[in-house]
C-alpha atoms as a PDB file:
ATOM      1  CA  MET A   1      88.255  60.539 164.428  1.00  0.00           C
ATOM      2  CA  TRP A   2      90.756  62.901 162.968  1.00  0.00           C
ATOM      3  CA  SER A   3      92.834  65.197 165.122  1.00  0.00           C
ATOM      4  CA  PRO A   4      93.158  68.898 164.194  1.00  0.00           C
ATOM      5  CA  THR A   5      96.786  68.356 163.191  1.00  0.00           C
ATOM      6  CA  GLN A   6      95.859  65.523 160.850  1.00  0.00           C
ATOM      7  CA  ILE A   7      93.122  67.647 159.248  1.00  0.00           C
ATOM      8  CA  THR A   8      95.550  70.513 158.651  1.00  0.00           C
ATOM      9  CA  VAL A   9      98.160  68.197 157.118  1.00  0.00           C
ATOM     10  CA  ARG A  10      95.476  66.595 155.006  1.00  0.00           C
ATOM     11  CA  LYS A  11      94.303  70.011 153.714  1.00  0.00           C
ATOM     12  CA  ILE A  12      97.879  71.005 152.867  1.00  0.00           C
ATOM     13  CA  LEU A  13      98.509  67.761 150.992  1.00  0.00           C
ATOM     14  CA  LEU A  14      95.223  68.064 149.104  1.00  0.00           C
ATOM     15  CA  SER A  15      96.013  71.672 148.118  1.00  0.00           C
ATOM     16  CA  ALA A  16      99.488  70.645 146.944  1.00  0.00           C
ATOM     17  CA  LEU A  17      98.000  67.805 144.898  1.00  0.00           C
ATOM     18  CA  ILE A  18      95.499  70.118 143.189  1.00  0.00           C
ATOM     19  CA  ALA A  19      98.174  72.751 142.466  1.00  0.00           C
ATOM     20  CA  GLY A  20     100.562  70.113 141.119  1.00  0.00           C
ATOM     21  CA  SER A  21      97.989  68.555 138.828  1.00  0.00           C
ATOM     22  CA  THR A  22      97.047  72.006 137.488  1.00  0.00           C
ATOM     23  CA  LEU A  23     100.685  72.726 136.649  1.00  0.00           C
ATOM     24  CA  LEU A  24     101.093  69.365 134.947  1.00  0.00           C
ATOM     25  CA  VAL A  25      98.052  69.963 132.767  1.00  0.00           C
ATOM     26  CA  ALA A  26      99.311  73.409 131.765  1.00  0.00           C
ATOM     27  CA  CYS A  27     102.798  72.087 130.912  1.00  0.00           C
ATOM     28  CA  GLY A  28     101.442  69.202 128.876  1.00  0.00           C
ATOM     29  CA  GLU A  29      99.483  71.457 126.520  1.00  0.00           C
ATOM     30  CA  LYS A  30     100.188  70.561 122.906  1.00  0.00           C
ATOM     31  CA  VAL A  31     100.748  73.099 120.158  1.00  0.00           C
ATOM     32  CA  ASP A  32      97.971  73.194 117.592  1.00  0.00           C
ATOM     33  CA  PRO A  33      99.529  73.055 114.084  1.00  0.00           C
ATOM     34  CA  THR A  34      96.584  74.987 112.650  1.00  0.00           C
ATOM     35  CA  GLN A  35      97.716  78.055 114.596  1.00  0.00           C
ATOM     36  CA  SER A  36     101.086  78.444 112.830  1.00  0.00           C
ATOM     37  CA  ASP A  37     101.658  81.457 110.585  1.00  0.00           C
ATOM     38  CA  GLU A  38     102.400  79.301 107.530  1.00  0.00           C
ATOM     39  CA  TYR A  39      99.130  77.433 107.947  1.00  0.00           C
ATOM     40  CA  LYS A  40      97.170  80.664 108.354  1.00  0.00           C
ATOM     41  CA  ALA A  41      98.808  82.202 105.274  1.00  0.00           C
ATOM     42  CA  ALA A  42      98.074  79.112 103.161  1.00  0.00           C
ATOM     43  CA  ALA A  43      94.467  78.987 104.369  1.00  0.00           C
ATOM     44  CA  LYS A  44      93.989  82.680 103.556  1.00  0.00           C
ATOM     45  CA  LYS A  45      95.477  82.251 100.088  1.00  0.00           C
ATOM     46  CA  GLU A  46      93.203  79.274  99.405  1.00  0.00           C
ATOM     47  CA  ALA A  47      90.120  81.150 100.626  1.00  0.00           C
ATOM     48  CA  ASP A  48      91.012  84.163  98.451  1.00  0.00           C
ATOM     49  CA  ALA A  49      91.419  81.929  95.392  1.00  0.00           C
ATOM     50  CA  LYS A  50      88.056  80.238  96.058  1.00  0.00           C
ATOM     51  CA  ALA A  51      86.383  83.627  96.420  1.00  0.00           C
ATOM     52  CA  THR A  52      87.987  84.755  93.172  1.00  0.00           C
ATOM     53  CA  GLY A  53      86.677  81.681  91.351  1.00  0.00           C
ATOM     54  CA  GLY A  54      83.186  82.191  92.761  1.00  0.00           C
ATOM     55  CA  ALA A  55      83.206  85.855  91.766  1.00  0.00           C
ATOM     56  CA  CYS A  56      84.335  84.966  88.246  1.00  0.00           C
ATOM     57  CA  ARG A  57      81.462  82.502  87.852  1.00  0.00           C
ATOM     58  CA  HIS A  58      78.951  84.956  89.283  1.00  0.00           C
ATOM     59  CA  ALA A  59      80.156  87.539  86.750  1.00  0.00           C
ATOM     60  CA  GLY A  60      79.623  85.046  83.924  1.00  0.00           C
ATOM     61  CA  ARG A  61      83.294  84.518  83.128  1.00  0.00           C
ATOM     62  CA  GLY A  62      84.589  81.177  81.955  1.00  0.00           C
ATOM     63  CA  ILE A  63      87.136  79.327  84.046  1.00  0.00           C
ATOM     64  CA  GLU A  64      89.951  79.950  81.533  1.00  0.00           C
ATOM     65  CA  ASP A  65      89.227  83.700  81.607  1.00  0.00           C
ATOM     66  CA  CYS A  66      89.378  83.551  85.380  1.00  0.00           C
ATOM     67  CA  TYR A  67      92.781  81.849  85.251  1.00  0.00           C
ATOM     68  CA  THR A  68      94.042  84.457  82.778  1.00  0.00           C
ATOM     69  CA  LEU A  69      92.809  87.400  84.856  1.00  0.00           C
ATOM     70  CA  ASN A  70      94.228  85.961  88.102  1.00  0.00           C
ATOM     71  CA  PRO A  71      97.555  84.299  87.274  1.00  0.00           C
ATOM     72  CA  SER A  72      98.882  84.364  90.842  1.00  0.00           C
ATOM     73  CA  ALA A  73      95.868  82.520  92.306  1.00  0.00           C
ATOM     74  CA  ASP A  74      96.040  78.769  92.900  1.00  0.00           C
ATOM     75  CA  ARG A  75      94.243  77.120  89.972  1.00  0.00           C
ATOM     76  CA  ALA A  76      92.768  74.252  91.984  1.00  0.00           C
ATOM     77  CA  SER A  77      91.256  76.630  94.535  1.00  0.00           C
ATOM     78  CA  VAL A  78      89.968  78.977  91.824  1.00  0.00           C
ATOM     79  CA  PHE A  79      88.305  76.029  90.116  1.00  0.00           C
ATOM     80  CA  ALA A  80      86.802  74.813  93.399  1.00  0.00           C
ATOM     81  CA  GLY A  81      85.289  78.257  94.028  1.00  0.00           C
ATOM     82  CA  TRP A  82      84.083  78.548  90.441  1.00  0.00           C
ATOM     83  CA  LYS A  83      82.473  75.081  90.574  1.00  0.00           C
ATOM     84  CA  ASP A  84      80.827  75.730  93.967  1.00  0.00           C
ATOM     85  CA  MET A  85      79.310  78.956  92.652  1.00  0.00           C
ATOM     86  CA  ASN A  86      78.235  77.237  89.435  1.00  0.00           C
ATOM     87  CA  ASP A  87      76.420  74.530  91.406  1.00  0.00           C
ATOM     88  CA  TYR A  88      74.856  77.120  93.721  1.00  0.00           C
ATOM     89  CA  MET A  89      73.650  79.222  90.787  1.00  0.00           C
ATOM     90  CA  ARG A  90      72.131  76.191  89.048  1.00  0.00           C
ATOM     91  CA  GLU A  91      70.354  75.007  92.195  1.00  0.00           C
ATOM     92  CA  ASN A  92      68.875  78.452  92.814  1.00  0.00           C
ATOM     93  CA  LYS A  93      68.244  79.245  89.125  1.00  0.00           C
ATOM     94  CA  MET A  94      70.388  82.377  89.257  1.00  0.00           C
ATOM     95  CA  GLU A  95      71.658  84.256  86.239  1.00  0.00           C
ATOM     96  CA  SER A  96      75.156  85.670  86.037  1.00  0.00           C
ATOM     97  CA  VAL A  97      75.572  89.364  86.767  1.00  0.00           C
ATOM     98  CA  LYS A  98      77.496  91.279  84.122  1.00  0.00           C
ATOM     99  CA  SER A  99      79.917  93.917  85.333  1.00  0.00           C
ATOM    100  CA  GLU A 100      78.783  97.484  84.741  1.00  0.00           C
ATOM    101  CA  ALA A 101      82.202  98.976  85.394  1.00  0.00           C
ATOM    102  CA  GLU A 102      84.118 100.126  82.365  1.00  0.00           C
ATOM    103  CA  ALA A 103      87.463  98.605  81.562  1.00  0.00           C
ATOM    104  CA  PRO A 104      90.404 100.967  82.008  1.00  0.00           C
ATOM    105  CA  PRO A 105      91.574 102.556  78.734  1.00  0.00           C
ATOM    106  CA  ALA A 106      94.456 100.813  77.028  1.00  0.00           C
ATOM    107  CA  PRO A 107      97.736 102.761  76.952  1.00  0.00           C
ATOM    108  CA  GLU A 108      98.323 104.499  73.649  1.00  0.00           C
ATOM    109  CA  PRO A 109     101.367 103.374  71.653  1.00  0.00           C
ATOM    110  CA  GLU A 110     104.068 105.973  71.056  1.00  0.00           C
ATOM    111  CA  ALA A 111     103.927 107.754  67.730  1.00  0.00           C
ATOM    112  CA  LYS A 112     106.731 106.953  65.270  1.00  0.00           C
ATOM    113  CA  ASP A 113     107.558 110.645  64.817  1.00  0.00           C
ATOM    114  CA  THR A 114     108.611 111.065  68.434  1.00  0.00           C
ATOM    115  CA  LYS A 115     110.756 107.946  68.261  1.00  0.00           C
ATOM    116  CA  ASP A 116     112.456 109.096  65.041  1.00  0.00           C
ATOM    117  CA  SER A 117     113.037 112.578  66.447  1.00  0.00           C
ATOM    118  CA  LYS A 118     114.674 111.061  69.568  1.00  0.00           C
ATOM    119  CA  ASP A 119     116.976 108.982  67.345  1.00  0.00           C
ATOM    120  CA  ALA A 120     117.872 112.022  65.240  1.00  0.00           C
ATOM    121  CA  LYS A 121     118.714 114.040  68.352  1.00  0.00           C
ATOM    122  CA  SER A 122     120.934 111.297  69.737  1.00  0.00           C
ATOM    123  CA  LYS A 123     122.738 110.864  66.385  1.00  0.00           C
ATOM    124  CA  SER A 124     123.263 114.603  65.969  1.00  0.00           C
ATOM    125  CA  GLY A 125     124.595 114.794  69.535  1.00  0.00           C
ATOM    126  CA  LYS A 126     127.170 112.115  68.749  1.00  0.00           C
ATOM    127  CA  LYS A 127     128.328 113.897  65.586  1.00  0.00           C
ATOM    128  CA  GLU A 128     128.795 117.183  67.400  1.00  0.00           C
ATOM    129  CA  LYS A 129     130.931 115.549  70.064  1.00  0.00           C
ATOM    130  CA  SER A 130     133.163 113.798  67.518  1.00  0.00           C
ATOM    131  CA  SER A 131     133.719 116.965  65.429  1.00  0.00           C
ATOM    132  CA  SER A 132     134.880 119.003  68.432  1.00  0.00           C
END
């Protein structure tokens, strides 16, 4: 049989083997490329563009209107979202939902009188300076 000394040595060697293998597994861990910041940012941007396309289709907007209203969004992702929503709405016989929010008022153009009066003031200011 085994002597007490041999059992103790055996336990120590077994413990060292387990600890060593655990360290090797931890050191050999590979980096997942899907966890990089660039990947996350690109995935978020793509998901936002798909959601924008889906929202445009749900609101009854055409794809060209969606591109015009969202120029910074990736066109391919916007189209993918728009198409997915279009297919979903057809399968479920859904109608588009028109927006009830009012569009913001357009800025009023400046009146010509104020522009002419500004020019007259600047011209008169120049004449006064030259005559002094």
